[in-house]
Structures are given as C-alpha cells and as structure tokens.
Protein backbone atom coordinates (compact mmCIF):
# COMPACT_ATOMS: atom_id res chain seq x y z
CA MET A 1 -2.17 19.79 -57.41
CA LYS A 2 -4.04 22.18 -54.99
CA MET A 3 -7.45 20.91 -54.50
CA PHE A 4 -10.39 23.07 -53.37
CA ASP A 5 -12.33 21.90 -50.29
CA ARG A 6 -15.43 22.11 -52.40
CA PRO A 7 -15.89 22.35 -56.21
CA LEU A 8 -17.33 25.41 -57.85
CA TYR A 9 -19.83 25.01 -60.71
CA LEU A 10 -19.70 27.61 -63.42
CA ARG A 11 -22.01 27.92 -66.42
CA GLU A 12 -19.89 27.96 -69.49
CA ARG A 13 -22.82 27.81 -71.96
CA LYS A 14 -26.61 27.60 -71.46
CA ASP A 15 -26.38 23.73 -71.29
CA LEU A 16 -22.83 23.19 -70.02
CA ILE A 17 -21.59 23.41 -66.50
CA LEU A 18 -17.88 23.44 -65.64
CA GLU A 19 -16.92 21.76 -62.35
CA ILE A 20 -13.76 23.64 -60.95
CA THR A 21 -12.22 21.44 -58.33
CA ASN A 22 -8.67 22.71 -58.08
CA LEU A 23 -6.48 25.84 -58.56
CA ASP A 24 -5.05 24.71 -61.95
CA ASP A 25 -8.64 24.33 -63.32
CA ALA A 26 -9.39 27.82 -61.98
CA ILE A 27 -6.47 29.38 -63.53
CA ASP A 28 -7.24 27.65 -66.94
CA PHE A 29 -10.78 28.95 -66.78
CA LEU A 30 -9.72 32.52 -66.14
CA GLU A 31 -6.95 32.31 -68.84
CA GLU A 32 -9.53 31.20 -71.32
CA TRP A 33 -11.87 34.04 -70.53
CA SER A 34 -12.49 36.18 -73.57
CA LYS A 35 -9.93 39.08 -73.69
CA GLY A 36 -12.71 41.44 -74.71
CA ASP A 37 -14.66 40.66 -71.59
CA ARG A 38 -11.83 40.90 -69.19
CA ASP A 39 -11.94 43.74 -66.55
CA ILE A 40 -10.44 44.75 -63.27
CA ILE A 41 -12.40 42.06 -61.37
CA HIS A 42 -11.05 39.34 -63.83
CA ASP A 43 -7.52 40.66 -63.49
CA ALA A 44 -7.61 40.66 -59.64
CA THR A 45 -9.09 37.19 -59.47
CA LEU A 46 -6.43 35.79 -61.81
CA LYS A 47 -3.75 37.51 -59.82
CA THR A 48 -5.13 36.11 -56.63
CA CYS A 49 -5.15 32.52 -58.08
CA TYR A 50 -1.50 32.99 -59.27
CA LEU A 51 -0.51 34.29 -55.77
CA ALA A 52 -2.19 31.06 -54.18
CA HIS A 53 -0.35 28.86 -56.79
CA ASP A 54 2.86 30.37 -55.70
CA GLY A 55 2.14 29.99 -51.98
CA HIS A 56 1.70 33.69 -51.22
CA LYS A 57 -1.95 33.46 -50.53
CA PRO A 58 -4.25 30.66 -48.99
CA LEU A 59 -6.01 28.41 -51.34
CA GLN A 60 -9.32 29.38 -49.85
CA VAL A 61 -8.76 33.04 -50.74
CA ALA A 62 -8.33 31.99 -54.42
CA ARG A 63 -11.54 29.91 -54.21
CA ASP A 64 -13.42 32.73 -52.68
CA ALA A 65 -12.14 35.11 -55.27
CA LEU A 66 -13.26 32.83 -58.22
CA ARG A 67 -16.57 32.40 -56.54
CA ALA A 68 -17.13 36.15 -56.19
CA PHE A 69 -15.95 36.60 -59.86
CA ALA A 70 -18.39 33.98 -61.03
CA LYS A 71 -21.35 35.44 -58.94
CA LYS A 72 -20.60 38.91 -60.38
CA LYS A 73 -20.61 37.62 -63.92
CA GLY A 74 -23.81 35.67 -63.44
CA ILE A 75 -22.20 32.21 -64.09
CA LEU A 76 -22.16 30.66 -60.59
CA VAL A 77 -24.34 27.72 -60.31
CA LYS A 78 -25.61 26.37 -57.06
CA THR A 79 -24.62 22.77 -56.54
CA PRO A 80 -28.09 21.09 -56.08
CA ALA A 81 -29.24 22.61 -59.33
CA VAL A 82 -26.59 20.76 -61.38
CA ALA A 83 -27.60 17.62 -63.15
CA PRO A 84 -24.54 15.09 -63.35
CA TRP A 85 -24.96 14.92 -67.20
CA MET A 86 -24.45 18.66 -67.52
CA ILE A 87 -21.00 18.54 -65.85
CA LYS A 88 -17.91 18.68 -68.07
CA ALA A 89 -15.15 17.46 -65.90
CA LYS A 90 -11.67 18.71 -66.70
CA SER A 91 -10.05 15.33 -65.83
CA GLY A 92 -10.83 11.84 -67.24
CA GLY A 93 -13.52 11.17 -64.57
CA GLY A 94 -11.70 8.33 -62.96
CA ARG A 95 -13.57 5.59 -64.66
CA LEU A 96 -11.84 2.35 -65.31
CA SER A 97 -12.49 0.08 -68.37
CA PRO A 98 -14.06 -3.28 -67.39
C-alpha cells in the first residue's frame, strides 16, 4: 500500500471528516464522488492518482493533486481543527481487544 507522508483530512459531511492516509483511500474517495459533481479537475485528479498507483508519477504528486482538488471544492480541513472523534478512518483503527 502506498502511504502518504502526511494524511489529508477531507470533509465528507458537516460533522464527518475523512482521513486519507494512502493512495488507495484517495482513489476510493474520488471514485465515490457524485457523478453529477465531477468535472475536469476531478478527472485530472483521479487520473493523476491512477498514474501514481501504476508507478508513472510520484506519490507526492498524487497527494498534492488530491489536496488541490479538496481545497478547490472547499472540503479540505486543516489538521489542528480536527477533533479525533470526528474522523472516520478507512481501516480498523489498529485497536486490539483486551
């Protein structure tokens, strides 16, 4: 799995923030974007992520593209403003049962 050097936090709804930590999560997020709201910026971002996934672009370029997309759409959240309970992690969270 291709992990980002720093996660991105994107607002999915008013009270829900997604933590995007890797390229697979970024692609899933973009694939789930409403077809009616897709535009040239969305298409370019998704294409960049797929190119990075296939090794044709650096991982950082894909992260930067997703960050720019999120900023343009007004869903980018600055890290310090995120409360831990607001984050919906894509993975299991790594907690072990006692």
